Amino acid sequence: MKKGDFKVIEQTYYNGTQSVEFKGIYGYTPNRGIKHEYKIKVHIDVDAYDMQSSARVWIFNTTDLEWKLLSSIPYAHMTSLQKDARGCEAVFYQTKVQSDGSGLRHKERVALEQDINDLLFKVENIV
């Protein structure tokens, strides 16, 4: 993925009731000579219960003036829920996170960044 195609408009981390969540808004301009910039929203919810976790990406529809779901990652395939080679999960349970992501452990941040990149890669292949 060419991350230069995505302009960060907003990125914030926050705690849900039993989760760590991420929301990012990006401007995306494809490299196919198209001058239009799309607005993209990424939302990741890493819940204490894996089945309640989600990783989704939306595109803003300027005709309807609303966000339309573009793609997602099934919770079983989210990097933030996978175990590493030692069998350890990137555990987010009871992690207190600040809006800038401070409070996350290194492996939690890396896992979230991989999920974000996977969603943005899907955008590049769809749009």
Protein backbone atom coordinates (compact mmCIF):
# COMPACT_ATOMS: atom_id res chain seq x y z
CA MET A 1 0.00 0.00 0.00
CA LYS A 2 1.17 3.50 -0.77
CA LYS A 3 0.29 5.30 2.45
CA GLY A 4 1.04 8.62 0.76
CA ASP A 5 -2.31 8.34 -1.02
CA PHE A 6 -4.11 8.78 2.30
CA LYS A 7 -4.18 12.17 3.99
CA VAL A 8 -4.93 12.00 7.72
CA ILE A 9 -7.84 14.23 8.68
CA GLU A 10 -8.46 12.79 12.14
CA GLN A 11 -7.19 9.86 14.19
CA THR A 12 -8.33 9.13 17.71
CA TYR A 13 -8.25 6.27 20.17
CA TYR A 14 -10.70 5.84 23.03
CA ASN A 15 -12.07 3.33 25.50
CA GLY A 16 -15.49 1.76 25.16
CA THR A 17 -17.18 -0.04 28.05
CA GLN A 18 -14.93 -3.08 27.65
CA SER A 19 -12.88 -2.21 24.61
CA VAL A 20 -10.24 -0.10 22.93
CA GLU A 21 -11.48 1.69 19.84
CA PHE A 22 -9.88 3.59 16.98
CA LYS A 23 -11.48 6.03 14.57
CA GLY A 24 -9.66 7.54 11.62
CA ILE A 25 -10.89 9.85 8.88
CA TYR A 26 -8.76 10.11 5.75
CA GLY A 27 -8.76 11.82 2.40
CA TYR A 28 -7.92 9.37 -0.40
CA THR A 29 -6.97 10.23 -3.97
CA PRO A 30 -6.42 7.21 -6.27
CA ASN A 31 -3.29 7.13 -8.44
CA ARG A 32 -5.25 6.56 -11.65
CA GLY A 33 -5.37 10.16 -12.82
CA ILE A 34 -8.58 10.81 -10.90
CA LYS A 35 -8.50 14.20 -9.24
CA HIS A 36 -11.39 13.47 -6.85
CA GLU A 37 -10.57 13.00 -3.17
CA TYR A 38 -12.70 10.44 -1.34
CA LYS A 39 -13.38 10.68 2.38
CA ILE A 40 -12.71 7.39 4.15
CA LYS A 41 -13.62 6.42 7.74
CA VAL A 42 -11.95 3.54 9.59
CA HIS A 43 -13.42 2.20 12.83
CA ILE A 44 -11.83 -0.61 14.84
CA ASP A 45 -13.32 -1.95 18.05
CA VAL A 46 -11.17 -4.46 19.95
CA ASP A 47 -13.59 -5.82 22.53
CA ALA A 48 -12.83 -7.98 25.55
CA TYR A 49 -15.06 -10.56 23.85
CA ASP A 50 -13.55 -11.39 20.45
CA MET A 51 -16.95 -11.94 18.79
CA GLN A 52 -17.96 -8.37 19.60
CA SER A 53 -14.88 -6.89 17.93
CA SER A 54 -15.05 -5.28 14.51
CA ALA A 55 -12.89 -3.59 11.89
CA ARG A 56 -14.79 -1.64 9.25
CA VAL A 57 -14.15 1.00 6.63
CA TRP A 58 -16.70 3.41 5.15
CA ILE A 59 -16.67 5.82 2.22
CA PHE A 60 -18.54 9.13 2.29
CA ASN A 61 -21.22 9.34 -0.37
CA THR A 62 -21.47 12.99 -1.44
CA THR A 63 -24.81 12.43 -3.18
CA ASP A 64 -26.61 11.06 -0.11
CA LEU A 65 -24.36 12.90 2.38
CA GLU A 66 -23.84 9.75 4.45
CA TRP A 67 -21.22 7.12 5.19
CA LYS A 68 -21.58 3.85 3.23
CA LEU A 69 -19.95 0.65 4.45
CA LEU A 70 -17.20 -0.28 1.99
CA SER A 71 -15.54 -3.32 3.57
CA SER A 72 -14.60 -5.04 6.81
CA ILE A 73 -12.30 -7.60 8.37
CA PRO A 74 -14.06 -10.53 10.06
CA TYR A 75 -13.18 -10.54 13.75
CA ALA A 76 -11.46 -13.93 13.44
CA HIS A 77 -8.99 -12.37 10.95
CA MET A 78 -8.24 -9.13 12.81
CA THR A 79 -4.53 -8.88 13.60
CA SER A 80 -5.40 -7.24 16.91
CA LEU A 81 -7.09 -10.50 18.00
CA GLN A 82 -4.43 -12.97 16.79
CA LYS A 83 -1.89 -14.85 18.84
CA ASP A 84 1.81 -14.51 18.06
CA ALA A 85 4.27 -17.39 17.61
CA ARG A 86 4.48 -17.80 21.41
CA GLY A 87 0.70 -18.05 21.73
CA CYS A 88 0.33 -14.58 23.26
CA GLU A 89 -2.48 -12.28 22.16
CA ALA A 90 -2.17 -8.53 21.69
CA VAL A 91 -4.35 -8.14 24.79
CA PHE A 92 -6.31 -4.90 25.06
CA TYR A 93 -8.46 -5.84 28.04
CA GLN A 94 -8.49 -3.03 30.62
CA THR A 95 -6.04 -0.95 28.59
CA LYS A 96 -6.58 2.73 29.37
CA VAL A 97 -5.88 4.60 26.17
CA GLN A 98 -5.56 8.32 25.49
CA SER A 99 -6.82 9.99 22.31
CA ASP A 100 -3.31 9.99 20.81
CA GLY A 101 -2.87 6.24 21.44
CA SER A 102 -0.64 6.61 24.46
CA GLY A 103 -1.36 3.91 26.98
CA LEU A 104 -1.23 1.19 24.34
CA ARG A 105 1.54 -1.36 24.65
CA HIS A 106 3.84 -1.71 21.64
CA LYS A 107 2.29 -4.97 20.43
CA GLU A 108 -1.22 -3.49 20.77
CA ARG A 109 -0.26 -0.45 18.68
CA VAL A 110 1.42 -2.63 16.02
CA ALA A 111 -1.64 -4.92 15.83
CA LEU A 112 -4.03 -1.97 15.46
CA GLU A 113 -1.82 -0.38 12.79
CA GLN A 114 -1.88 -3.65 10.83
CA ASP A 115 -5.69 -3.74 10.94
CA ILE A 116 -5.81 -0.08 9.83
CA ASN A 117 -3.42 -0.79 6.96
CA ASP A 118 -5.41 -3.87 5.92
CA LEU A 119 -8.59 -1.77 5.73
CA LEU A 120 -6.87 1.00 3.77
CA PHE A 121 -5.44 -1.63 1.39
CA LYS A 122 -9.01 -2.82 0.77
CA VAL A 123 -9.96 0.77 -0.09
CA GLU A 124 -7.17 0.97 -2.67
CA ASN A 125 -8.39 -2.23 -4.32
CA ILE A 126 -12.08 -1.25 -4.35
CA VAL A 127 -12.10 2.45 -5.18
